[in-house]
Amino acid sequence: NEWQRPGTLVPLSAAPKGVWETADFGWLRLLEAQCAEVQLELDALLPQRQSSRGSAEGAWHAVGGVHREMGQHDGSVVDSGAWREAVLLGTGARPQLAPRTVALL
């Protein structure tokens, strides 16, 4: 559906269902095996949440903000709170923030 992000992770021909099994996605085992690497990159990014508020150079921006050419509509699903995102893939991405994670994806 239109709210599934990113849409590339679920084949368009796949029937919708509430719970997907790990076996439904061949790439998932590799991602799970590299969880520690992904966690290290996330741990390095998390402290930047406070320091980058309002900064064009920071890693974290408001979900769906103007830092992206596409995906600005993502902000419309945020009902409350101050949700932030570090964009790693797609337009406006900064893959250098988590290069090992991006390579896995």
N, C-alpha and C. Protein backbone atom coordinates (compact mmCIF):
# COMPACT_ATOMS: atom_id res chain seq x y z
N ASN A 1 0.83 -1.19 0.00
CA ASN A 1 0.00 0.00 0.00
C ASN A 1 0.87 1.24 0.00
N GLU A 2 0.25 2.39 -0.17
CA GLU A 2 1.01 3.64 -0.31
C GLU A 2 1.76 4.06 0.95
N TRP A 3 1.42 3.48 2.11
CA TRP A 3 2.11 3.84 3.35
C TRP A 3 3.31 2.95 3.63
N GLN A 4 3.48 1.88 2.88
CA GLN A 4 4.62 0.98 3.07
C GLN A 4 5.89 1.69 2.62
N ARG A 5 6.85 1.83 3.52
CA ARG A 5 8.11 2.49 3.20
C ARG A 5 9.25 1.61 3.65
N PRO A 6 10.28 1.39 2.89
CA PRO A 6 10.28 1.67 1.46
C PRO A 6 9.52 0.58 0.71
N GLY A 7 8.90 0.94 -0.37
CA GLY A 7 8.09 0.03 -1.14
C GLY A 7 8.88 -1.07 -1.83
N THR A 8 10.19 -0.91 -1.92
CA THR A 8 11.03 -1.90 -2.60
C THR A 8 11.22 -3.17 -1.79
N LEU A 9 10.87 -3.17 -0.52
CA LEU A 9 11.13 -4.34 0.32
C LEU A 9 10.07 -5.41 0.18
N VAL A 10 8.90 -5.08 -0.32
CA VAL A 10 7.82 -6.04 -0.49
C VAL A 10 7.47 -6.08 -1.97
N PRO A 11 7.53 -7.25 -2.60
CA PRO A 11 7.20 -7.33 -4.02
C PRO A 11 5.77 -6.84 -4.28
N LEU A 12 5.58 -6.11 -5.37
CA LEU A 12 4.26 -5.59 -5.69
C LEU A 12 3.25 -6.71 -5.89
N SER A 13 3.73 -7.87 -6.30
CA SER A 13 2.83 -8.99 -6.53
C SER A 13 2.45 -9.73 -5.25
N ALA A 14 3.08 -9.39 -4.15
CA ALA A 14 2.82 -10.09 -2.89
C ALA A 14 1.44 -9.72 -2.35
N ALA A 15 0.73 -10.73 -1.90
CA ALA A 15 -0.57 -10.49 -1.28
C ALA A 15 -0.35 -9.88 0.10
N PRO A 16 -1.16 -8.90 0.47
CA PRO A 16 -0.99 -8.30 1.80
C PRO A 16 -1.30 -9.32 2.90
N LYS A 17 -0.51 -9.27 3.96
CA LYS A 17 -0.79 -10.10 5.12
C LYS A 17 -0.25 -9.42 6.36
N GLY A 18 -0.79 -9.76 7.50
CA GLY A 18 -0.46 -9.07 8.75
C GLY A 18 0.93 -9.37 9.28
N VAL A 19 1.41 -10.59 9.08
CA VAL A 19 2.72 -10.99 9.59
C VAL A 19 3.48 -11.70 8.49
N TRP A 20 4.70 -11.27 8.27
CA TRP A 20 5.56 -11.90 7.27
C TRP A 20 6.55 -12.78 8.00
N GLU A 21 6.87 -13.92 7.44
CA GLU A 21 7.85 -14.83 8.02
C GLU A 21 9.24 -14.44 7.53
N THR A 22 10.25 -14.69 8.35
CA THR A 22 11.63 -14.41 7.96
C THR A 22 11.97 -15.07 6.63
N ALA A 23 11.49 -16.27 6.42
CA ALA A 23 11.79 -17.02 5.20
C ALA A 23 11.23 -16.36 3.95
N ASP A 24 10.26 -15.44 4.11
CA ASP A 24 9.67 -14.75 2.97
C ASP A 24 10.66 -13.78 2.32
N PHE A 25 11.72 -13.44 3.03
CA PHE A 25 12.70 -12.47 2.55
C PHE A 25 14.09 -13.07 2.66
N GLY A 26 14.64 -13.50 1.52
CA GLY A 26 15.95 -14.16 1.52
C GLY A 26 17.07 -13.31 2.09
N TRP A 27 17.00 -12.00 1.94
CA TRP A 27 18.06 -11.10 2.38
C TRP A 27 18.03 -10.85 3.88
N LEU A 28 16.96 -11.23 4.54
CA LEU A 28 16.81 -10.91 5.95
C LEU A 28 17.82 -11.61 6.85
N ARG A 29 18.16 -12.84 6.54
CA ARG A 29 19.15 -13.58 7.37
C ARG A 29 20.50 -12.87 7.38
N LEU A 30 20.93 -12.37 6.22
CA LEU A 30 22.19 -11.62 6.15
C LEU A 30 22.11 -10.37 7.02
N LEU A 31 21.01 -9.66 6.93
CA LEU A 31 20.84 -8.45 7.73
C LEU A 31 20.85 -8.77 9.23
N GLU A 32 20.15 -9.83 9.61
CA GLU A 32 20.15 -10.25 11.02
C GLU A 32 21.54 -10.63 11.49
N ALA A 33 22.30 -11.29 10.65
CA ALA A 33 23.66 -11.71 11.01
C ALA A 33 24.59 -10.52 11.23
N GLN A 34 24.27 -9.39 10.62
CA GLN A 34 25.10 -8.19 10.74
C GLN A 34 24.51 -7.16 11.72
N CYS A 35 23.63 -7.61 12.56
CA CYS A 35 22.94 -6.72 13.50
C CYS A 35 23.92 -5.91 14.35
N ALA A 36 25.00 -6.51 14.79
CA ALA A 36 25.97 -5.80 15.63
C ALA A 36 26.60 -4.63 14.88
N GLU A 37 26.89 -4.80 13.59
CA GLU A 37 27.46 -3.72 12.78
C GLU A 37 26.46 -2.57 12.63
N VAL A 38 25.22 -2.92 12.36
CA VAL A 38 24.17 -1.91 12.22
C VAL A 38 24.01 -1.16 13.54
N GLN A 39 24.03 -1.89 14.66
CA GLN A 39 23.88 -1.26 15.97
C GLN A 39 25.01 -0.28 16.26
N LEU A 40 26.25 -0.63 15.88
CA LEU A 40 27.38 0.28 16.08
C LEU A 40 27.17 1.60 15.35
N GLU A 41 26.68 1.52 14.11
CA GLU A 41 26.45 2.75 13.35
C GLU A 41 25.31 3.55 13.96
N LEU A 42 24.26 2.89 14.40
CA LEU A 42 23.16 3.59 15.04
C LEU A 42 23.63 4.26 16.33
N ASP A 43 24.42 3.54 17.12
CA ASP A 43 24.94 4.11 18.36
C ASP A 43 25.76 5.37 18.11
N ALA A 44 26.47 5.41 16.98
CA ALA A 44 27.27 6.59 16.64
C ALA A 44 26.37 7.75 16.19
N LEU A 45 25.22 7.44 15.59
CA LEU A 45 24.31 8.47 15.10
C LEU A 45 23.41 9.05 16.19
N LEU A 46 23.02 8.25 17.15
CA LEU A 46 22.05 8.69 18.15
C LEU A 46 22.45 9.95 18.91
N PRO A 47 23.70 10.10 19.33
CA PRO A 47 24.06 11.33 20.05
C PRO A 47 23.88 12.60 19.22
N GLN A 48 23.84 12.47 17.91
CA GLN A 48 23.70 13.63 17.03
C GLN A 48 22.26 14.15 16.98
N ARG A 49 21.31 13.41 17.59
CA ARG A 49 19.90 13.84 17.56
C ARG A 49 19.72 15.23 18.15
N GLN A 50 20.32 15.49 19.28
CA GLN A 50 20.14 16.79 19.93
C GLN A 50 20.95 17.87 19.23
N SER A 51 22.18 17.55 18.83
CA SER A 51 23.05 18.58 18.27
C SER A 51 22.64 19.02 16.88
N SER A 52 21.84 18.22 16.15
CA SER A 52 21.51 18.58 14.78
C SER A 52 20.15 19.24 14.63
N ARG A 53 19.42 19.43 15.71
CA ARG A 53 18.09 20.06 15.59
C ARG A 53 18.24 21.46 14.99
N GLY A 54 17.59 21.66 13.87
CA GLY A 54 17.63 22.96 13.23
C GLY A 54 18.87 23.20 12.39
N SER A 55 19.75 22.22 12.31
CA SER A 55 20.97 22.37 11.55
C SER A 55 20.86 21.68 10.19
N ALA A 56 21.22 22.38 9.13
CA ALA A 56 21.16 21.80 7.78
C ALA A 56 22.21 20.71 7.62
N GLU A 57 23.28 20.76 8.40
CA GLU A 57 24.35 19.78 8.28
C GLU A 57 24.15 18.57 9.17
N GLY A 58 23.23 18.61 10.08
CA GLY A 58 23.04 17.53 11.04
C GLY A 58 22.53 16.27 10.37
N ALA A 59 22.64 15.15 11.09
CA ALA A 59 22.20 13.85 10.57
C ALA A 59 20.71 13.66 10.68
N TRP A 60 20.08 14.26 11.67
CA TRP A 60 18.67 14.02 11.97
C TRP A 60 17.83 15.23 11.59
N HIS A 61 16.76 14.98 10.85
CA HIS A 61 15.85 16.04 10.42
C HIS A 61 14.41 15.62 10.73
N ALA A 62 13.51 16.57 10.71
CA ALA A 62 12.09 16.26 10.90
C ALA A 62 11.64 15.31 9.79
N VAL A 63 10.86 14.31 10.15
CA VAL A 63 10.37 13.34 9.16
C VAL A 63 9.60 14.09 8.07
N GLY A 64 10.00 13.80 6.82
CA GLY A 64 9.33 14.42 5.68
C GLY A 64 9.69 15.87 5.45
N GLY A 65 10.79 16.33 6.01
CA GLY A 65 11.18 17.74 5.89
C GLY A 65 11.72 18.10 4.51
N VAL A 66 12.10 19.35 4.38
CA VAL A 66 12.58 19.87 3.10
C VAL A 66 13.98 19.38 2.74
N HIS A 67 14.62 18.62 3.62
CA HIS A 67 15.93 18.06 3.33
C HIS A 67 15.83 16.96 2.26
N ARG A 68 14.60 16.57 1.90
CA ARG A 68 14.37 15.51 0.92
C ARG A 68 13.60 16.08 -0.27
N GLU A 69 13.98 15.65 -1.46
CA GLU A 69 13.21 16.02 -2.64
C GLU A 69 11.97 15.15 -2.75
N MET A 70 12.11 13.87 -2.37
CA MET A 70 10.99 12.93 -2.37
C MET A 70 10.76 12.48 -0.94
N GLY A 71 9.56 12.09 -0.63
CA GLY A 71 9.26 11.60 0.71
C GLY A 71 8.84 12.68 1.68
N GLN A 72 8.64 13.91 1.18
CA GLN A 72 8.21 14.96 2.10
C GLN A 72 6.82 14.66 2.65
N HIS A 73 6.03 13.89 1.90
CA HIS A 73 4.69 13.52 2.38
C HIS A 73 4.76 12.60 3.61
N ASP A 74 5.93 12.01 3.88
CA ASP A 74 6.05 11.14 5.05
C ASP A 74 5.69 11.88 6.34
N GLY A 75 5.92 13.18 6.37
CA GLY A 75 5.60 13.96 7.55
C GLY A 75 4.11 13.99 7.84
N SER A 76 3.28 13.72 6.82
CA SER A 76 1.83 13.77 7.02
C SER A 76 1.31 12.62 7.87
N VAL A 77 2.09 11.57 8.07
CA VAL A 77 1.64 10.45 8.89
C VAL A 77 2.02 10.61 10.36
N VAL A 78 2.79 11.64 10.67
CA VAL A 78 3.19 11.89 12.05
C VAL A 78 2.06 12.63 12.74
N ASP A 79 1.42 11.96 13.67
CA ASP A 79 0.25 12.53 14.34
C ASP A 79 0.65 13.44 15.50
N SER A 80 1.69 13.06 16.22
CA SER A 80 2.13 13.87 17.35
C SER A 80 3.59 13.58 17.63
N GLY A 81 4.22 14.45 18.38
CA GLY A 81 5.61 14.27 18.72
C GLY A 81 6.53 14.94 17.72
N ALA A 82 7.81 14.82 17.96
CA ALA A 82 8.83 15.43 17.11
C ALA A 82 9.69 14.33 16.51
N TRP A 83 9.13 13.59 15.57
CA TRP A 83 9.82 12.47 14.94
C TRP A 83 10.96 13.00 14.07
N ARG A 84 12.10 12.29 14.13
CA ARG A 84 13.28 12.67 13.36
C ARG A 84 13.70 11.49 12.49
N GLU A 85 14.43 11.77 11.41
CA GLU A 85 14.94 10.72 10.55
C GLU A 85 16.34 11.07 10.07
N ALA A 86 17.14 10.04 9.90
CA ALA A 86 18.45 10.15 9.26
C ALA A 86 18.30 9.37 7.96
N VAL A 87 18.25 10.07 6.83
CA VAL A 87 17.97 9.44 5.53
C VAL A 87 19.24 8.81 4.99
N LEU A 88 19.18 7.50 4.79
CA LEU A 88 20.34 6.74 4.30
C LEU A 88 20.21 6.33 2.85
N LEU A 89 18.99 6.20 2.34
CA LEU A 89 18.74 5.75 0.97
C LEU A 89 17.79 6.70 0.26
N GLY A 90 17.93 6.82 -1.04
CA GLY A 90 17.01 7.62 -1.84
C GLY A 90 17.46 9.06 -1.97
N THR A 91 16.56 9.87 -2.51
CA THR A 91 16.85 11.28 -2.75
C THR A 91 17.07 12.00 -1.42
N GLY A 92 18.12 12.78 -1.36
CA GLY A 92 18.45 13.50 -0.14
C GLY A 92 19.19 12.65 0.88
N ALA A 93 19.58 11.46 0.47
CA ALA A 93 20.25 10.53 1.39
C ALA A 93 21.67 10.96 1.71
N ARG A 94 22.12 10.53 2.87
CA ARG A 94 23.50 10.72 3.30
C ARG A 94 24.05 9.37 3.72
N PRO A 95 24.37 8.51 2.74
CA PRO A 95 24.81 7.14 3.05
C PRO A 95 26.09 7.08 3.87
N GLN A 96 26.87 8.13 3.85
CA GLN A 96 28.12 8.15 4.63
C GLN A 96 27.86 8.13 6.12
N LEU A 97 26.63 8.39 6.54
CA LEU A 97 26.29 8.35 7.97
C LEU A 97 26.33 6.92 8.52
N ALA A 98 26.04 5.94 7.67
CA ALA A 98 26.03 4.54 8.09
C ALA A 98 26.39 3.67 6.88
N PRO A 99 27.63 3.74 6.43
CA PRO A 99 28.02 3.06 5.19
C PRO A 99 27.87 1.55 5.22
N ARG A 100 28.13 0.91 6.34
CA ARG A 100 28.00 -0.56 6.39
C ARG A 100 26.52 -0.96 6.32
N THR A 101 25.67 -0.20 6.98
CA THR A 101 24.25 -0.47 6.93
C THR A 101 23.72 -0.29 5.51
N VAL A 102 24.12 0.78 4.86
CA VAL A 102 23.69 1.04 3.48
C VAL A 102 24.16 -0.07 2.56
N ALA A 103 25.38 -0.53 2.73
CA ALA A 103 25.89 -1.62 1.88
C ALA A 103 25.06 -2.89 2.08
N LEU A 104 24.62 -3.16 3.29
CA LEU A 104 23.80 -4.33 3.55
C LEU A 104 22.43 -4.21 2.90
N LEU A 105 21.87 -3.01 2.93
CA LEU A 105 20.54 -2.82 2.36
C LEU A 105 20.59 -2.80 0.85
